[in-house]
Amino acid sequence: MKRIIGFLLFVGGLVTVWFDWQATTAQAEPFRFAKIGDVWFQIHAGSLQVLQPAIERYIGPWLWEWIFFPVLLAPLAPVLFVLGALFWFWGRKKRDKRRY
């Protein structure tokens, strides 16, 4: 199951790179990756706008400033590739160390 999730995350990274490439060539700009926060805002802006006050009010402003905000500024495709690789290697079958 972990390998399937890793594969899907890797494919999601490839699709994201393709969309980023299409967007930058359409605007005649140099290639850049879309940020996680920008993609989340395009998909469902309301949940993203509710997240910040909820975290700052009920957990603490430090969590938003030091954890969530940097994650939202991270590029989406490389994050998906890294998560896909982690899940892929986490789900691989272990070799039997005994030799006959």
N, C-alpha and C. Protein backbone atom coordinates (compact mmCIF):
# COMPACT_ATOMS: atom_id res chain seq x y z
N MET A 1 0.82 -1.19 0.00
CA MET A 1 0.00 0.00 0.00
C MET A 1 0.86 1.26 0.00
N LYS A 2 1.97 1.20 0.76
CA LYS A 2 2.84 2.36 0.83
C LYS A 2 3.49 2.65 -0.52
N ARG A 3 3.80 1.59 -1.24
CA ARG A 3 4.41 1.80 -2.56
C ARG A 3 3.40 2.41 -3.53
N ILE A 4 2.15 2.05 -3.41
CA ILE A 4 1.12 2.64 -4.27
C ILE A 4 0.97 4.13 -3.95
N ILE A 5 0.96 4.47 -2.66
CA ILE A 5 0.86 5.89 -2.28
C ILE A 5 2.08 6.64 -2.79
N GLY A 6 3.26 6.04 -2.67
CA GLY A 6 4.48 6.67 -3.20
C GLY A 6 4.42 6.88 -4.69
N PHE A 7 3.92 5.88 -5.41
CA PHE A 7 3.78 6.00 -6.86
C PHE A 7 2.80 7.11 -7.22
N LEU A 8 1.67 7.18 -6.51
CA LEU A 8 0.67 8.21 -6.80
C LEU A 8 1.22 9.61 -6.49
N LEU A 9 1.98 9.74 -5.41
CA LEU A 9 2.59 11.03 -5.11
C LEU A 9 3.60 11.42 -6.18
N PHE A 10 4.38 10.45 -6.68
CA PHE A 10 5.34 10.73 -7.74
C PHE A 10 4.62 11.15 -9.02
N VAL A 11 3.54 10.47 -9.37
CA VAL A 11 2.75 10.85 -10.55
C VAL A 11 2.14 12.23 -10.35
N GLY A 12 1.68 12.52 -9.13
CA GLY A 12 1.16 13.85 -8.84
C GLY A 12 2.23 14.92 -9.02
N GLY A 13 3.47 14.60 -8.66
CA GLY A 13 4.58 15.53 -8.88
C GLY A 13 4.83 15.75 -10.37
N LEU A 14 4.75 14.68 -11.16
CA LEU A 14 4.93 14.83 -12.61
C LEU A 14 3.82 15.68 -13.22
N VAL A 15 2.59 15.46 -12.79
CA VAL A 15 1.47 16.25 -13.31
C VAL A 15 1.63 17.71 -12.91
N THR A 16 2.09 17.95 -11.69
CA THR A 16 2.30 19.31 -11.22
C THR A 16 3.39 20.01 -12.04
N VAL A 17 4.47 19.29 -12.34
CA VAL A 17 5.53 19.87 -13.16
C VAL A 17 4.99 20.21 -14.55
N TRP A 18 4.16 19.35 -15.09
CA TRP A 18 3.60 19.62 -16.42
C TRP A 18 2.72 20.87 -16.38
N PHE A 19 1.86 20.99 -15.36
CA PHE A 19 1.02 22.19 -15.25
C PHE A 19 1.87 23.44 -15.03
N ASP A 20 2.92 23.33 -14.23
CA ASP A 20 3.80 24.48 -14.01
C ASP A 20 4.49 24.89 -15.30
N TRP A 21 4.92 23.91 -16.07
CA TRP A 21 5.58 24.20 -17.34
C TRP A 21 4.60 24.86 -18.31
N GLN A 22 3.38 24.35 -18.36
CA GLN A 22 2.36 24.95 -19.23
C GLN A 22 2.06 26.39 -18.82
N ALA A 23 1.96 26.63 -17.53
CA ALA A 23 1.63 27.99 -17.05
C ALA A 23 2.76 28.97 -17.34
N THR A 24 4.00 28.53 -17.18
CA THR A 24 5.11 29.46 -17.40
C THR A 24 5.36 29.69 -18.88
N THR A 25 5.14 28.71 -19.71
CA THR A 25 5.33 28.94 -21.15
C THR A 25 4.20 29.79 -21.72
N ALA A 26 3.01 29.68 -21.15
CA ALA A 26 1.90 30.51 -21.63
C ALA A 26 2.12 31.98 -21.28
N GLN A 27 2.81 32.24 -20.20
CA GLN A 27 3.06 33.61 -19.77
C GLN A 27 4.42 34.12 -20.23
N ALA A 28 5.18 33.31 -20.93
CA ALA A 28 6.51 33.66 -21.43
C ALA A 28 7.44 34.10 -20.30
N GLU A 29 7.41 33.33 -19.21
CA GLU A 29 8.27 33.59 -18.07
C GLU A 29 9.22 32.42 -17.88
N PRO A 30 10.28 32.61 -17.12
CA PRO A 30 11.13 31.46 -16.81
C PRO A 30 10.39 30.44 -15.94
N PHE A 31 10.82 29.19 -16.03
CA PHE A 31 10.13 28.12 -15.30
C PHE A 31 10.27 28.32 -13.80
N ARG A 32 9.17 28.10 -13.10
CA ARG A 32 9.19 28.09 -11.63
C ARG A 32 8.09 27.14 -11.16
N PHE A 33 8.33 26.58 -10.00
CA PHE A 33 7.36 25.66 -9.41
C PHE A 33 6.27 26.44 -8.70
N ALA A 34 5.07 25.89 -8.73
CA ALA A 34 3.96 26.49 -7.97
C ALA A 34 4.14 26.16 -6.50
N LYS A 35 3.76 27.09 -5.65
CA LYS A 35 3.87 26.89 -4.21
C LYS A 35 2.65 26.13 -3.71
N ILE A 36 2.83 25.41 -2.61
CA ILE A 36 1.74 24.63 -2.03
C ILE A 36 0.56 25.53 -1.67
N GLY A 37 0.85 26.69 -1.09
CA GLY A 37 -0.22 27.62 -0.70
C GLY A 37 -0.99 28.16 -1.89
N ASP A 38 -0.29 28.43 -3.00
CA ASP A 38 -0.98 28.93 -4.19
C ASP A 38 -1.92 27.88 -4.78
N VAL A 39 -1.46 26.64 -4.82
CA VAL A 39 -2.31 25.57 -5.36
C VAL A 39 -3.50 25.33 -4.45
N TRP A 40 -3.26 25.33 -3.14
CA TRP A 40 -4.36 25.16 -2.19
C TRP A 40 -5.36 26.29 -2.33
N PHE A 41 -4.89 27.53 -2.51
CA PHE A 41 -5.79 28.67 -2.67
C PHE A 41 -6.62 28.53 -3.93
N GLN A 42 -6.05 28.02 -5.01
CA GLN A 42 -6.80 27.83 -6.25
C GLN A 42 -7.84 26.73 -6.11
N ILE A 43 -7.54 25.71 -5.33
CA ILE A 43 -8.48 24.59 -5.18
C ILE A 43 -9.62 24.96 -4.23
N HIS A 44 -9.29 25.47 -3.05
CA HIS A 44 -10.32 25.81 -2.07
C HIS A 44 -9.81 26.93 -1.17
N ALA A 45 -10.08 28.15 -1.56
CA ALA A 45 -9.55 29.32 -0.85
C ALA A 45 -10.14 29.47 0.55
N GLY A 46 -11.37 29.09 0.72
CA GLY A 46 -12.03 29.27 2.01
C GLY A 46 -11.36 28.50 3.13
N SER A 47 -10.97 27.26 2.87
CA SER A 47 -10.35 26.46 3.92
C SER A 47 -8.97 27.01 4.29
N LEU A 48 -8.27 27.53 3.32
CA LEU A 48 -6.95 28.11 3.60
C LEU A 48 -7.09 29.38 4.42
N GLN A 49 -8.10 30.18 4.13
CA GLN A 49 -8.30 31.43 4.86
C GLN A 49 -8.80 31.18 6.29
N VAL A 50 -9.44 30.07 6.54
CA VAL A 50 -9.89 29.73 7.88
C VAL A 50 -8.77 29.08 8.69
N LEU A 51 -7.83 28.46 8.03
CA LEU A 51 -6.78 27.71 8.71
C LEU A 51 -5.90 28.61 9.58
N GLN A 52 -5.46 29.74 9.06
CA GLN A 52 -4.54 30.59 9.81
C GLN A 52 -5.14 31.10 11.12
N PRO A 53 -6.32 31.72 11.11
CA PRO A 53 -6.86 32.17 12.40
C PRO A 53 -7.13 31.03 13.38
N ALA A 54 -7.54 29.88 12.86
CA ALA A 54 -7.82 28.75 13.74
C ALA A 54 -6.54 28.26 14.42
N ILE A 55 -5.47 28.13 13.66
CA ILE A 55 -4.20 27.69 14.24
C ILE A 55 -3.67 28.72 15.22
N GLU A 56 -3.71 29.99 14.84
CA GLU A 56 -3.18 31.02 15.73
C GLU A 56 -4.01 31.17 17.01
N ARG A 57 -5.30 30.98 16.92
CA ARG A 57 -6.15 31.16 18.09
C ARG A 57 -6.12 29.95 19.02
N TYR A 58 -6.24 28.74 18.46
CA TYR A 58 -6.41 27.57 19.31
C TYR A 58 -5.10 26.84 19.64
N ILE A 59 -4.08 26.99 18.83
CA ILE A 59 -2.82 26.30 19.11
C ILE A 59 -1.74 27.30 19.50
N GLY A 60 -1.48 28.25 18.62
CA GLY A 60 -0.48 29.26 18.93
C GLY A 60 0.08 29.88 17.66
N PRO A 61 0.42 31.17 17.72
CA PRO A 61 0.96 31.83 16.53
C PRO A 61 2.30 31.27 16.09
N TRP A 62 3.07 30.71 17.02
CA TRP A 62 4.37 30.15 16.68
C TRP A 62 4.23 28.99 15.69
N LEU A 63 3.16 28.20 15.83
CA LEU A 63 2.97 27.06 14.92
C LEU A 63 2.73 27.55 13.50
N TRP A 64 1.96 28.61 13.34
CA TRP A 64 1.72 29.15 12.00
C TRP A 64 3.00 29.74 11.42
N GLU A 65 3.72 30.51 12.22
CA GLU A 65 4.91 31.20 11.71
C GLU A 65 6.07 30.26 11.42
N TRP A 66 6.26 29.25 12.23
CA TRP A 66 7.45 28.41 12.10
C TRP A 66 7.21 27.10 11.37
N ILE A 67 5.96 26.63 11.28
CA ILE A 67 5.69 25.34 10.64
C ILE A 67 4.84 25.51 9.38
N PHE A 68 3.61 25.99 9.55
CA PHE A 68 2.66 26.00 8.44
C PHE A 68 3.03 26.99 7.34
N PHE A 69 3.41 28.19 7.70
CA PHE A 69 3.72 29.20 6.68
C PHE A 69 4.90 28.79 5.79
N PRO A 70 6.02 28.30 6.34
CA PRO A 70 7.09 27.83 5.46
C PRO A 70 6.68 26.65 4.57
N VAL A 71 5.81 25.79 5.09
CA VAL A 71 5.33 24.66 4.27
C VAL A 71 4.50 25.18 3.11
N LEU A 72 3.66 26.19 3.34
CA LEU A 72 2.84 26.75 2.27
C LEU A 72 3.67 27.47 1.22
N LEU A 73 4.86 27.93 1.57
CA LEU A 73 5.74 28.59 0.61
C LEU A 73 6.64 27.61 -0.15
N ALA A 74 6.63 26.36 0.24
CA ALA A 74 7.47 25.35 -0.42
C ALA A 74 6.90 25.02 -1.80
N PRO A 75 7.78 24.70 -2.76
CA PRO A 75 7.29 24.30 -4.09
C PRO A 75 6.63 22.92 -4.03
N LEU A 76 5.50 22.79 -4.69
CA LEU A 76 4.68 21.58 -4.59
C LEU A 76 5.32 20.36 -5.24
N ALA A 77 5.82 20.49 -6.45
CA ALA A 77 6.32 19.32 -7.17
C ALA A 77 7.49 18.64 -6.46
N PRO A 78 8.53 19.37 -6.05
CA PRO A 78 9.61 18.69 -5.33
C PRO A 78 9.16 18.04 -4.02
N VAL A 79 8.21 18.66 -3.34
CA VAL A 79 7.69 18.07 -2.11
C VAL A 79 6.99 16.75 -2.43
N LEU A 80 6.21 16.72 -3.50
CA LEU A 80 5.54 15.48 -3.89
C LEU A 80 6.54 14.41 -4.29
N PHE A 81 7.61 14.80 -4.99
CA PHE A 81 8.64 13.83 -5.36
C PHE A 81 9.33 13.24 -4.13
N VAL A 82 9.66 14.09 -3.17
CA VAL A 82 10.34 13.61 -1.96
C VAL A 82 9.41 12.71 -1.15
N LEU A 83 8.17 13.12 -0.97
CA LEU A 83 7.21 12.28 -0.24
C LEU A 83 6.97 10.96 -0.97
N GLY A 84 6.89 11.01 -2.29
CA GLY A 84 6.72 9.78 -3.07
C GLY A 84 7.89 8.84 -2.89
N ALA A 85 9.12 9.38 -2.91
CA ALA A 85 10.30 8.54 -2.72
C ALA A 85 10.33 7.95 -1.31
N LEU A 86 9.96 8.76 -0.31
CA LEU A 86 9.94 8.25 1.06
C LEU A 86 8.94 7.11 1.22
N PHE A 87 7.74 7.29 0.69
CA PHE A 87 6.75 6.22 0.77
C PHE A 87 7.19 4.99 -0.04
N TRP A 88 7.80 5.21 -1.19
CA TRP A 88 8.25 4.10 -2.03
C TRP A 88 9.29 3.25 -1.29
N PHE A 89 10.28 3.91 -0.68
CA PHE A 89 11.32 3.16 0.02
C PHE A 89 10.83 2.60 1.35
N TRP A 90 9.89 3.27 1.98
CA TRP A 90 9.31 2.77 3.22
C TRP A 90 8.51 1.50 2.97
N GLY A 91 7.90 1.39 1.80
CA GLY A 91 7.06 0.24 1.49
C GLY A 91 7.76 -0.90 0.79
N ARG A 92 9.07 -0.77 0.57
CA ARG A 92 9.76 -1.86 -0.13
C ARG A 92 9.87 -3.08 0.76
N LYS A 93 10.02 -4.22 0.12
CA LYS A 93 10.11 -5.47 0.86
C LYS A 93 11.52 -5.61 1.45
N LYS A 94 11.57 -6.08 2.66
CA LYS A 94 12.84 -6.28 3.32
C LYS A 94 13.46 -7.59 2.83
N ARG A 95 14.76 -7.54 2.62
CA ARG A 95 15.46 -8.78 2.23
C ARG A 95 15.76 -9.62 3.44
N ASP A 96 15.74 -10.90 3.24
CA ASP A 96 16.11 -11.82 4.30
C ASP A 96 17.63 -11.81 4.45
N LYS A 97 18.11 -11.53 5.64
CA LYS A 97 19.55 -11.37 5.85
C LYS A 97 20.25 -12.71 6.04
N ARG A 98 19.50 -13.75 6.20
CA ARG A 98 20.12 -15.08 6.39
C ARG A 98 20.64 -15.59 5.06
N ARG A 99 21.82 -16.13 5.10
CA ARG A 99 22.42 -16.75 3.92
C ARG A 99 22.43 -18.25 4.10
N TYR A 100 22.12 -18.96 3.05
CA TYR A 100 22.11 -20.44 3.14
C TYR A 100 23.36 -21.00 2.56
